[in-house]
Amino acid sequence: MKVKEVLEDEPIPISEAGEILKEETEKRREEERDKGYAQRRAFDHIQKFSKQDSEKAKELYQKLVEHNKVTPELAVKMTDLLPKEKDLIRALYSKERFALNEDTIEELLDIISEYRE
């Protein structure tokens, strides 16, 4: 069994993971290899739960990361979930060492609403 090395570890939105899986699927087709079980399951999951296309997700992610109260991990969660309510944003921040004020939550909801389909 080949053991692969982790080259990069960064959080990415689910729709971007879908793009990566599509590229890998094309490579496997060219090499005349089938998708593995894990790859098929991951691709099915992405198709079921991805709420937007990759380009919109990347734009939203970048805009959220630019905000001083949003970490890359939280930006990915917000990009994937596209929260509509203040309570969901509060829940995402429940393990952080700081609490968001109402104005900051409203700012985040406004940014997210621009990218909701």
Protein backbone atom coordinates (compact mmCIF):
# COMPACT_ATOMS: atom_id res chain seq x y z
CA MET A 1 0.00 0.00 0.00
CA LYS A 2 1.33 3.42 -0.91
CA VAL A 3 1.34 6.00 1.83
CA LYS A 4 0.85 9.51 0.55
CA GLU A 5 2.31 12.60 2.12
CA VAL A 6 0.18 15.60 3.09
CA LEU A 7 1.44 18.45 0.94
CA GLU A 8 -0.87 21.18 2.11
CA ASP A 9 -3.42 21.58 4.87
CA GLU A 10 -5.81 24.49 4.55
CA PRO A 11 -9.56 24.76 5.01
CA ILE A 12 -11.53 25.07 1.76
CA PRO A 13 -15.25 25.41 1.03
CA ILE A 14 -17.09 22.23 0.05
CA SER A 15 -17.73 23.49 -3.49
CA GLU A 16 -13.99 24.00 -4.03
CA ALA A 17 -13.40 20.44 -2.81
CA GLY A 18 -15.90 19.38 -5.47
CA GLU A 19 -13.82 21.08 -8.16
CA ILE A 20 -10.70 19.28 -6.95
CA LEU A 21 -12.53 15.95 -7.01
CA LYS A 22 -13.76 16.64 -10.56
CA GLU A 23 -10.17 17.28 -11.67
CA GLU A 24 -9.01 14.06 -10.00
CA THR A 25 -11.85 12.14 -11.67
CA GLU A 26 -10.75 13.44 -15.08
CA LYS A 27 -7.15 12.42 -14.38
CA ARG A 28 -8.31 8.94 -13.42
CA ARG A 29 -10.38 8.67 -16.62
CA GLU A 30 -7.36 9.62 -18.71
CA GLU A 31 -5.33 6.97 -16.89
CA GLU A 32 -8.24 4.52 -17.34
CA ARG A 33 -8.64 4.02 -13.60
CA ASP A 34 -11.93 3.91 -11.70
CA LYS A 35 -12.84 6.20 -8.83
CA GLY A 36 -12.24 4.64 -5.45
CA TYR A 37 -14.99 4.07 -2.93
CA ALA A 38 -13.95 7.03 -0.77
CA GLN A 39 -13.78 9.33 -3.77
CA ARG A 40 -17.28 8.29 -4.92
CA ARG A 41 -18.70 8.84 -1.42
CA ALA A 42 -17.02 12.23 -1.08
CA PHE A 43 -18.30 13.32 -4.49
CA ASP A 44 -21.86 12.22 -3.62
CA HIS A 45 -21.68 14.15 -0.34
CA ILE A 46 -20.47 17.28 -2.11
CA GLN A 47 -23.25 17.11 -4.69
CA LYS A 48 -25.88 16.77 -1.97
CA PHE A 49 -24.65 19.51 0.35
CA SER A 50 -22.90 22.11 -1.79
CA LYS A 51 -25.07 25.23 -1.95
CA GLN A 52 -23.19 27.30 -4.52
CA ASP A 53 -20.66 27.11 -7.32
CA SER A 54 -16.94 27.17 -6.69
CA GLU A 55 -16.31 30.71 -7.94
CA LYS A 56 -18.97 32.27 -5.71
CA ALA A 57 -17.72 30.25 -2.76
CA LYS A 58 -14.15 31.45 -3.30
CA GLU A 59 -15.30 35.08 -3.51
CA LEU A 60 -17.39 34.78 -0.34
CA TYR A 61 -14.56 33.02 1.47
CA GLN A 62 -12.10 35.79 0.55
CA LYS A 63 -14.52 38.50 1.61
CA LEU A 64 -15.16 36.81 4.97
CA VAL A 65 -11.46 36.20 5.67
CA GLU A 66 -10.78 39.90 5.11
CA HIS A 67 -13.09 40.67 8.05
CA ASN A 68 -11.01 41.02 11.23
CA LYS A 69 -13.25 38.74 13.33
CA VAL A 70 -13.30 35.77 10.91
CA THR A 71 -10.71 32.98 10.90
CA PRO A 72 -10.20 30.82 7.78
CA GLU A 73 -11.96 27.90 9.49
CA LEU A 74 -15.00 30.02 10.36
CA ALA A 75 -15.04 31.50 6.86
CA VAL A 76 -15.26 27.98 5.42
CA LYS A 77 -18.10 27.05 7.78
CA MET A 78 -20.03 30.20 6.90
CA THR A 79 -19.38 29.69 3.18
CA ASP A 80 -20.68 26.12 3.34
CA LEU A 81 -23.70 26.84 5.56
CA LEU A 82 -24.71 30.30 4.27
CA PRO A 83 -26.41 31.19 7.57
CA LYS A 84 -29.54 33.34 7.42
CA GLU A 85 -30.00 33.88 11.15
CA LYS A 86 -27.99 35.51 13.90
CA ASP A 87 -28.26 32.43 16.11
CA LEU A 88 -26.38 30.25 13.63
CA ILE A 89 -23.50 32.72 13.49
CA ARG A 90 -23.48 32.86 17.29
CA ALA A 91 -23.36 29.04 17.35
CA LEU A 92 -20.38 29.03 14.98
CA TYR A 93 -18.58 31.43 17.32
CA SER A 94 -19.53 29.58 20.51
CA LYS A 95 -16.06 28.06 20.94
CA GLU A 96 -14.16 31.24 20.19
CA ARG A 97 -12.57 33.25 22.98
CA PHE A 98 -14.61 36.33 22.16
CA ALA A 99 -18.26 37.17 21.58
CA LEU A 100 -19.56 39.06 18.60
CA ASN A 101 -21.67 42.16 19.04
CA GLU A 102 -24.90 42.64 17.11
CA ASP A 103 -23.34 45.02 14.57
CA THR A 104 -20.63 42.52 13.63
CA ILE A 105 -23.17 39.74 13.24
CA GLU A 106 -25.26 41.99 10.98
CA GLU A 107 -22.16 42.81 8.89
CA LEU A 108 -21.45 39.11 8.42
CA LEU A 109 -25.07 38.35 7.51
CA ASP A 110 -25.02 41.20 4.95
CA ILE A 111 -21.84 39.84 3.35
CA ILE A 112 -23.27 36.31 3.21
CA SER A 113 -26.64 37.44 1.82
CA GLU A 114 -24.89 38.94 -1.22
CA TYR A 115 -23.77 35.43 -2.24
CA ARG A 116 -26.88 33.40 -1.40
CA GLU A 117 -28.64 32.05 -4.50
